[in-house]
Amino acid sequence: FGSRLLSVGMAAALVYEHSTRSSFRLSFNG
């Protein structure tokens, strides 16, 4: 991208702990 660059990132995640052994994670990033 050249000797000088701009990089921007974002992330979000939603976690559901179904039990002490099982969990689900829905995430988005860019």
PDB file of all heavy atoms in Angstrom:
ATOM      1  N   PHE A   1       0.796  -1.224   0.000  1.00  0.00           N
ATOM      2  CA  PHE A   1       0.000   0.000   0.000  1.00  0.00           C
ATOM      3  C   PHE A   1       0.829   1.275   0.000  1.00  0.00           C
ATOM      4  O   PHE A   1       0.273   2.361   0.028  1.00  0.00           O
ATOM      5  CB  PHE A   1      -0.944  -0.007   1.194  1.00  0.00           C
ATOM      6  CG  PHE A   1      -1.926  -1.146   1.175  1.00  0.00           C
ATOM      7  CD1 PHE A   1      -1.729  -2.260   1.963  1.00  0.00           C
ATOM      8  CD2 PHE A   1      -3.027  -1.113   0.340  1.00  0.00           C
ATOM      9  CE1 PHE A   1      -2.627  -3.317   1.946  1.00  0.00           C
ATOM     10  CE2 PHE A   1      -3.923  -2.157   0.304  1.00  0.00           C
ATOM     11  CZ  PHE A   1      -3.724  -3.267   1.107  1.00  0.00           C
ATOM     12  N   GLY A   2       2.133   1.184  -0.040  1.00  0.00           N
ATOM     13  CA  GLY A   2       2.970   2.368  -0.044  1.00  0.00           C
ATOM     14  C   GLY A   2       3.651   2.563   1.293  1.00  0.00           C
ATOM     15  O   GLY A   2       3.303   1.951   2.302  1.00  0.00           O
ATOM     16  N   SER A   3       4.631   3.468   1.306  1.00  0.00           N
ATOM     17  CA  SER A   3       5.454   3.652   2.496  1.00  0.00           C
ATOM     18  C   SER A   3       4.685   4.264   3.651  1.00  0.00           C
ATOM     19  O   SER A   3       5.146   4.235   4.787  1.00  0.00           O
ATOM     20  CB  SER A   3       6.650   4.538   2.152  1.00  0.00           C
ATOM     21  OG  SER A   3       6.201   5.799   1.686  1.00  0.00           O
ATOM     22  N   ARG A   4       3.530   4.840   3.391  1.00  0.00           N
ATOM     23  CA  ARG A   4       2.682   5.388   4.455  1.00  0.00           C
ATOM     24  C   ARG A   4       1.254   4.941   4.196  1.00  0.00           C
ATOM     25  O   ARG A   4       0.738   5.095   3.084  1.00  0.00           O
ATOM     26  CB  ARG A   4       2.777   6.907   4.495  1.00  0.00           C
ATOM     27  CG  ARG A   4       1.987   7.535   5.633  1.00  0.00           C
ATOM     28  CD  ARG A   4       2.394   8.982   5.870  1.00  0.00           C
ATOM     29  NE  ARG A   4       1.539   9.623   6.852  1.00  0.00           N
ATOM     30  CZ  ARG A   4       1.641   9.465   8.172  1.00  0.00           C
ATOM     31  NH1 ARG A   4       2.567   8.660   8.649  1.00  0.00           N
ATOM     32  NH2 ARG A   4       0.828  10.091   8.999  1.00  0.00           N
ATOM     33  N   LEU A   5       0.597   4.377   5.211  1.00  0.00           N
ATOM     34  CA  LEU A   5      -0.726   3.802   4.994  1.00  0.00           C
ATOM     35  C   LEU A   5      -1.659   4.123   6.147  1.00  0.00           C
ATOM     36  O   LEU A   5      -1.242   4.475   7.256  1.00  0.00           O
ATOM     37  CB  LEU A   5      -0.638   2.289   4.780  1.00  0.00           C
ATOM     38  CG  LEU A   5      -0.049   1.413   5.891  1.00  0.00           C
ATOM     39  CD1 LEU A   5      -1.065   1.093   6.966  1.00  0.00           C
ATOM     40  CD2 LEU A   5       0.487   0.118   5.300  1.00  0.00           C
ATOM     41  N   LEU A   6      -2.942   3.972   5.841  1.00  0.00           N
ATOM     42  CA  LEU A   6      -4.016   4.094   6.827  1.00  0.00           C
ATOM     43  C   LEU A   6      -4.760   2.774   6.859  1.00  0.00           C
ATOM     44  O   LEU A   6      -5.208   2.275   5.822  1.00  0.00           O
ATOM     45  CB  LEU A   6      -4.975   5.226   6.438  1.00  0.00           C
ATOM     46  CG  LEU A   6      -6.255   5.349   7.278  1.00  0.00           C
ATOM     47  CD1 LEU A   6      -5.928   5.777   8.700  1.00  0.00           C
ATOM     48  CD2 LEU A   6      -7.227   6.339   6.635  1.00  0.00           C
ATOM     49  N   SER A   7      -4.870   2.180   8.043  1.00  0.00           N
ATOM     50  CA  SER A   7      -5.607   0.928   8.197  1.00  0.00           C
ATOM     51  C   SER A   7      -6.567   1.069   9.365  1.00  0.00           C
ATOM     52  O   SER A   7      -6.174   1.505  10.458  1.00  0.00           O
ATOM     53  CB  SER A   7      -4.647  -0.241   8.443  1.00  0.00           C
ATOM     54  OG  SER A   7      -5.359  -1.475   8.502  1.00  0.00           O
ATOM     55  N   VAL A   8      -7.834   0.741   9.130  1.00  0.00           N
ATOM     56  CA  VAL A   8      -8.886   0.878  10.138  1.00  0.00           C
ATOM     57  C   VAL A   8      -9.664  -0.425  10.199  1.00  0.00           C
ATOM     58  O   VAL A   8     -10.070  -0.973   9.158  1.00  0.00           O
ATOM     59  CB  VAL A   8      -9.838   2.044   9.805  1.00  0.00           C
ATOM     60  CG1 VAL A   8     -10.958   2.128  10.828  1.00  0.00           C
ATOM     61  CG2 VAL A   8      -9.068   3.361   9.765  1.00  0.00           C
ATOM     62  N   GLY A   9      -9.870  -0.951  11.398  1.00  0.00           N
ATOM     63  CA  GLY A   9     -10.614  -2.188  11.568  1.00  0.00           C
ATOM     64  C   GLY A   9     -11.627  -2.087  12.696  1.00  0.00           C
ATOM     65  O   GLY A   9     -11.412  -1.367  13.682  1.00  0.00           O
ATOM     66  N   MET A  10     -12.745  -2.808  12.552  1.00  0.00           N
ATOM     67  CA  MET A  10     -13.788  -2.863  13.567  1.00  0.00           C
ATOM     68  C   MET A  10     -14.260  -4.290  13.734  1.00  0.00           C
ATOM     69  O   MET A  10     -14.237  -5.078  12.782  1.00  0.00           O
ATOM     70  CB  MET A  10     -14.958  -1.955  13.197  1.00  0.00           C
ATOM     71  CG  MET A  10     -14.633  -0.466  13.227  1.00  0.00           C
ATOM     72  SD  MET A  10     -16.032   0.581  12.726  1.00  0.00           S
ATOM     73  CE  MET A  10     -16.058   0.218  10.957  1.00  0.00           C
ATOM     74  N   ALA A  11     -14.687  -4.641  14.954  1.00  0.00           N
ATOM     75  CA  ALA A  11     -15.163  -5.999  15.224  1.00  0.00           C
ATOM     76  C   ALA A  11     -16.238  -5.949  16.299  1.00  0.00           C
ATOM     77  O   ALA A  11     -16.215  -5.089  17.192  1.00  0.00           O
ATOM     78  CB  ALA A  11     -14.016  -6.900  15.658  1.00  0.00           C
ATOM     79  N   ALA A  12     -17.196  -6.887  16.228  1.00  0.00           N
ATOM     80  CA  ALA A  12     -18.246  -7.023  17.229  1.00  0.00           C
ATOM     81  C   ALA A  12     -18.596  -8.492  17.360  1.00  0.00           C
ATOM     82  O   ALA A  12     -18.549  -9.247  16.378  1.00  0.00           O
ATOM     83  CB  ALA A  12     -19.482  -6.206  16.857  1.00  0.00           C
ATOM     84  N   ALA A  13     -18.934  -8.917  18.570  1.00  0.00           N
ATOM     85  CA  ALA A  13     -19.266 -10.325  18.794  1.00  0.00           C
ATOM     86  C   ALA A  13     -20.364 -10.444  19.844  1.00  0.00           C
ATOM     87  O   ALA A  13     -20.366  -9.716  20.851  1.00  0.00           O
ATOM     88  CB  ALA A  13     -18.031 -11.106  19.229  1.00  0.00           C
ATOM     89  N   LEU A  14     -21.289 -11.361  19.608  1.00  0.00           N
ATOM     90  CA  LEU A  14     -22.358 -11.695  20.541  1.00  0.00           C
ATOM     91  C   LEU A  14     -22.192 -13.155  20.937  1.00  0.00           C
ATOM     92  O   LEU A  14     -22.140 -14.033  20.077  1.00  0.00           O
ATOM     93  CB  LEU A  14     -23.725 -11.469  19.896  1.00  0.00           C
ATOM     94  CG  LEU A  14     -24.958 -11.772  20.759  1.00  0.00           C
ATOM     95  CD1 LEU A  14     -25.042 -10.817  21.948  1.00  0.00           C
ATOM     96  CD2 LEU A  14     -26.223 -11.695  19.914  1.00  0.00           C
ATOM     97  N   VAL A  15     -22.093 -13.414  22.229  1.00  0.00           N
ATOM     98  CA  VAL A  15     -21.837 -14.771  22.739  1.00  0.00           C
ATOM     99  C   VAL A  15     -23.031 -15.251  23.556  1.00  0.00           C
ATOM    100  O   VAL A  15     -23.556 -14.509  24.407  1.00  0.00           O
ATOM    101  CB  VAL A  15     -20.556 -14.808  23.605  1.00  0.00           C
ATOM    102  CG1 VAL A  15     -20.336 -16.207  24.183  1.00  0.00           C
ATOM    103  CG2 VAL A  15     -19.346 -14.370  22.793  1.00  0.00           C
ATOM    104  N   TYR A  16     -23.441 -16.486  23.274  1.00  0.00           N
ATOM    105  CA  TYR A  16     -24.505 -17.122  24.037  1.00  0.00           C
ATOM    106  C   TYR A  16     -23.951 -18.392  24.671  1.00  0.00           C
ATOM    107  O   TYR A  16     -23.511 -19.303  23.966  1.00  0.00           O
ATOM    108  CB  TYR A  16     -25.697 -17.457  23.146  1.00  0.00           C
ATOM    109  CG  TYR A  16     -26.763 -18.281  23.840  1.00  0.00           C
ATOM    110  CD1 TYR A  16     -27.538 -17.745  24.871  1.00  0.00           C
ATOM    111  CD2 TYR A  16     -26.987 -19.603  23.465  1.00  0.00           C
ATOM    112  CE1 TYR A  16     -28.501 -18.501  25.507  1.00  0.00           C
ATOM    113  CE2 TYR A  16     -27.957 -20.372  24.088  1.00  0.00           C
ATOM    114  CZ  TYR A  16     -28.704 -19.816  25.117  1.00  0.00           C
ATOM    115  OH  TYR A  16     -29.658 -20.573  25.752  1.00  0.00           O
ATOM    116  N   GLU A  17     -23.966 -18.457  26.001  1.00  0.00           N
ATOM    117  CA  GLU A  17     -23.467 -19.627  26.729  1.00  0.00           C
ATOM    118  C   GLU A  17     -24.656 -20.539  27.028  1.00  0.00           C
ATOM    119  O   GLU A  17     -25.377 -20.342  28.011  1.00  0.00           O
ATOM    120  CB  GLU A  17     -22.756 -19.180  27.998  1.00  0.00           C
ATOM    121  CG  GLU A  17     -21.525 -18.319  27.721  1.00  0.00           C
ATOM    122  CD  GLU A  17     -20.929 -17.742  28.991  1.00  0.00           C
ATOM    123  OE1 GLU A  17     -21.558 -17.884  30.065  1.00  0.00           O
ATOM    124  OE2 GLU A  17     -19.846 -17.130  28.908  1.00  0.00           O
ATOM    125  N   HIS A  18     -24.839 -21.525  26.176  1.00  0.00           N
ATOM    126  CA  HIS A  18     -25.981 -22.425  26.310  1.00  0.00           C
ATOM    127  C   HIS A  18     -25.899 -23.233  27.599  1.00  0.00           C
ATOM    128  O   HIS A  18     -26.920 -23.505  28.248  1.00  0.00           O
ATOM    129  CB  HIS A  18     -26.039 -23.352  25.098  1.00  0.00           C
ATOM    130  CG  HIS A  18     -27.160 -24.340  25.139  1.00  0.00           C
ATOM    131  ND1 HIS A  18     -28.480 -23.978  25.039  1.00  0.00           N
ATOM    132  CD2 HIS A  18     -27.144 -25.696  25.286  1.00  0.00           C
ATOM    133  CE1 HIS A  18     -29.243 -25.047  25.110  1.00  0.00           C
ATOM    134  NE2 HIS A  18     -28.465 -26.102  25.271  1.00  0.00           N
ATOM    135  N   SER A  19     -24.672 -23.617  27.947  1.00  0.00           N
ATOM    136  CA  SER A  19     -24.437 -24.353  29.183  1.00  0.00           C
ATOM    137  C   SER A  19     -22.992 -24.129  29.590  1.00  0.00           C
ATOM    138  O   SER A  19     -22.261 -23.376  28.940  1.00  0.00           O
ATOM    139  CB  SER A  19     -24.718 -25.856  28.984  1.00  0.00           C
ATOM    140  OG  SER A  19     -23.758 -26.425  28.087  1.00  0.00           O
ATOM    141  N   THR A  20     -22.570 -24.771  30.658  1.00  0.00           N
ATOM    142  CA  THR A  20     -21.175 -24.631  31.080  1.00  0.00           C
ATOM    143  C   THR A  20     -20.218 -25.282  30.088  1.00  0.00           C
ATOM    144  O   THR A  20     -19.015 -25.016  30.123  1.00  0.00           O
ATOM    145  CB  THR A  20     -20.978 -25.270  32.465  1.00  0.00           C
ATOM    146  OG1 THR A  20     -21.382 -26.660  32.406  1.00  0.00           O
ATOM    147  CG2 THR A  20     -21.787 -24.533  33.519  1.00  0.00           C
ATOM    148  N   ARG A  21     -20.760 -26.098  29.186  1.00  0.00           N
ATOM    149  CA  ARG A  21     -19.896 -26.811  28.229  1.00  0.00           C
ATOM    150  C   ARG A  21     -20.073 -26.328  26.797  1.00  0.00           C
ATOM    151  O   ARG A  21     -19.202 -26.544  25.957  1.00  0.00           O
ATOM    152  CB  ARG A  21     -20.179 -28.325  28.290  1.00  0.00           C
ATOM    153  CG  ARG A  21     -19.976 -28.920  29.663  1.00  0.00           C
ATOM    154  CD  ARG A  21     -20.388 -30.380  29.704  1.00  0.00           C
ATOM    155  NE  ARG A  21     -19.532 -31.216  28.879  1.00  0.00           N
ATOM    156  CZ  ARG A  21     -19.682 -32.537  28.762  1.00  0.00           C
ATOM    157  NH1 ARG A  21     -20.667 -33.155  29.395  1.00  0.00           N
ATOM    158  NH2 ARG A  21     -18.859 -33.234  27.995  1.00  0.00           N
ATOM    159  N   SER A  22     -21.189 -25.678  26.485  1.00  0.00           N
ATOM    160  CA  SER A  22     -21.496 -25.316  25.105  1.00  0.00           C
ATOM    161  C   SER A  22     -21.757 -23.819  24.986  1.00  0.00           C
ATOM    162  O   SER A  22     -22.455 -23.227  25.824  1.00  0.00           O
ATOM    163  CB  SER A  22     -22.726 -26.091  24.620  1.00  0.00           C
ATOM    164  OG  SER A  22     -23.089 -25.709  23.317  1.00  0.00           O
ATOM    165  N   SER A  23     -21.197 -23.197  23.916  1.00  0.00           N
ATOM    166  CA  SER A  23     -21.423 -21.762  23.679  1.00  0.00           C
ATOM    167  C   SER A  23     -21.436 -21.491  22.179  1.00  0.00           C
ATOM    168  O   SER A  23     -20.807 -22.213  21.389  1.00  0.00           O
ATOM    169  CB  SER A  23     -20.344 -20.924  24.359  1.00  0.00           C
ATOM    170  OG  SER A  23     -19.067 -21.168  23.786  1.00  0.00           O
ATOM    171  N   PHE A  24     -22.145 -20.418  21.803  1.00  0.00           N
ATOM    172  CA  PHE A  24     -22.220 -19.965  20.420  1.00  0.00           C
ATOM    173  C   PHE A  24     -21.701 -18.527  20.349  1.00  0.00           C
ATOM    174  O   PHE A  24     -21.949 -17.728  21.255  1.00  0.00           O
ATOM    175  CB  PHE A  24     -23.666 -20.019  19.905  1.00  0.00           C
ATOM    176  CG  PHE A  24     -24.236 -21.406  19.829  1.00  0.00           C
ATOM    177  CD1 PHE A  24     -24.841 -21.982  20.945  1.00  0.00           C
ATOM    178  CD2 PHE A  24     -24.153 -22.140  18.658  1.00  0.00           C
ATOM    179  CE1 PHE A  24     -25.367 -23.261  20.889  1.00  0.00           C
ATOM    180  CE2 PHE A  24     -24.677 -23.423  18.581  1.00  0.00           C
ATOM    181  CZ  PHE A  24     -25.275 -23.986  19.699  1.00  0.00           C
ATOM    182  N   ARG A  25     -21.033 -18.227  19.235  1.00  0.00           N
ATOM    183  CA  ARG A  25     -20.450 -16.896  19.072  1.00  0.00           C
ATOM    184  C   ARG A  25     -20.752 -16.392  17.664  1.00  0.00           C
ATOM    185  O   ARG A  25     -20.342 -17.014  16.671  1.00  0.00           O
ATOM    186  CB  ARG A  25     -18.939 -16.949  19.296  1.00  0.00           C
ATOM    187  CG  ARG A  25     -18.226 -15.592  19.169  1.00  0.00           C
ATOM    188  CD  ARG A  25     -16.720 -15.781  19.320  1.00  0.00           C
ATOM    189  NE  ARG A  25     -16.005 -14.520  19.283  1.00  0.00           N
ATOM    190  CZ  ARG A  25     -15.738 -13.785  20.352  1.00  0.00           C
ATOM    191  NH1 ARG A  25     -16.127 -14.205  21.552  1.00  0.00           N
ATOM    192  NH2 ARG A  25     -15.083 -12.640  20.250  1.00  0.00           N
ATOM    193  N   LEU A  26     -21.475 -15.280  17.572  1.00  0.00           N
ATOM    194  CA  LEU A  26     -21.774 -14.630  16.299  1.00  0.00           C
ATOM    195  C   LEU A  26     -20.923 -13.369  16.223  1.00  0.00           C
ATOM    196  O   LEU A  26     -21.013 -12.498  17.097  1.00  0.00           O
ATOM    197  CB  LEU A  26     -23.259 -14.277  16.221  1.00  0.00           C
ATOM    198  CG  LEU A  26     -23.731 -13.553  14.954  1.00  0.00           C
ATOM    199  CD1 LEU A  26     -23.585 -14.455  13.727  1.00  0.00           C
ATOM    200  CD2 LEU A  26     -25.182 -13.088  15.109  1.00  0.00           C
ATOM    201  N   SER A  27     -20.105 -13.257  15.196  1.00  0.00           N
ATOM    202  CA  SER A  27     -19.171 -12.131  15.132  1.00  0.00           C
ATOM    203  C   SER A  27     -19.142 -11.518  13.744  1.00  0.00           C
ATOM    204  O   SER A  27     -19.407 -12.185  12.736  1.00  0.00           O
ATOM    205  CB  SER A  27     -17.762 -12.572  15.532  1.00  0.00           C
ATOM    206  OG  SER A  27     -17.274 -13.579  14.681  1.00  0.00           O
ATOM    207  N   PHE A  28     -18.811 -10.234  13.716  1.00  0.00           N
ATOM    208  CA  PHE A  28     -18.661  -9.476  12.485  1.00  0.00           C
ATOM    209  C   PHE A  28     -17.404  -8.617  12.611  1.00  0.00           C
ATOM    210  O   PHE A  28     -17.145  -8.044  13.677  1.00  0.00           O
ATOM    211  CB  PHE A  28     -19.877  -8.584  12.228  1.00  0.00           C
ATOM    212  CG  PHE A  28     -21.192  -9.308  12.149  1.00  0.00           C
ATOM    213  CD1 PHE A  28     -21.959  -9.502  13.297  1.00  0.00           C
ATOM    214  CD2 PHE A  28     -21.640  -9.807  10.938  1.00  0.00           C
ATOM    215  CE1 PHE A  28     -23.163 -10.168  13.234  1.00  0.00           C
ATOM    216  CE2 PHE A  28     -22.848 -10.479  10.873  1.00  0.00           C
ATOM    217  CZ  PHE A  28     -23.605 -10.666  12.014  1.00  0.00           C
ATOM    218  N   ASN A  29     -16.639  -8.520  11.532  1.00  0.00           N
ATOM    219  CA  ASN A  29     -15.494  -7.614  11.547  1.00  0.00           C
ATOM    220  C   ASN A  29     -15.193  -7.142  10.135  1.00  0.00           C
ATOM    221  O   ASN A  29     -15.633  -7.748   9.146  1.00  0.00           O
ATOM    222  CB  ASN A  29     -14.257  -8.257  12.191  1.00  0.00           C
ATOM    223  CG  ASN A  29     -13.751  -9.464  11.432  1.00  0.00           C
ATOM    224  OD1 ASN A  29     -13.374  -9.371  10.270  1.00  0.00           O
ATOM    225  ND2 ASN A  29     -13.725 -10.615  12.098  1.00  0.00           N
ATOM    226  N   GLY A  30     -14.466  -6.070  10.056  1.00  0.00           N
ATOM    227  CA  GLY A  30     -14.077  -5.501   8.770  1.00  0.00           C
ATOM    228  C   GLY A  30     -12.805  -4.701   8.904  1.00  0.00           C
ATOM    229  O   GLY A  30     -12.481  -4.183   9.986  1.00  0.00           O
TER     230      GLY A  30
END
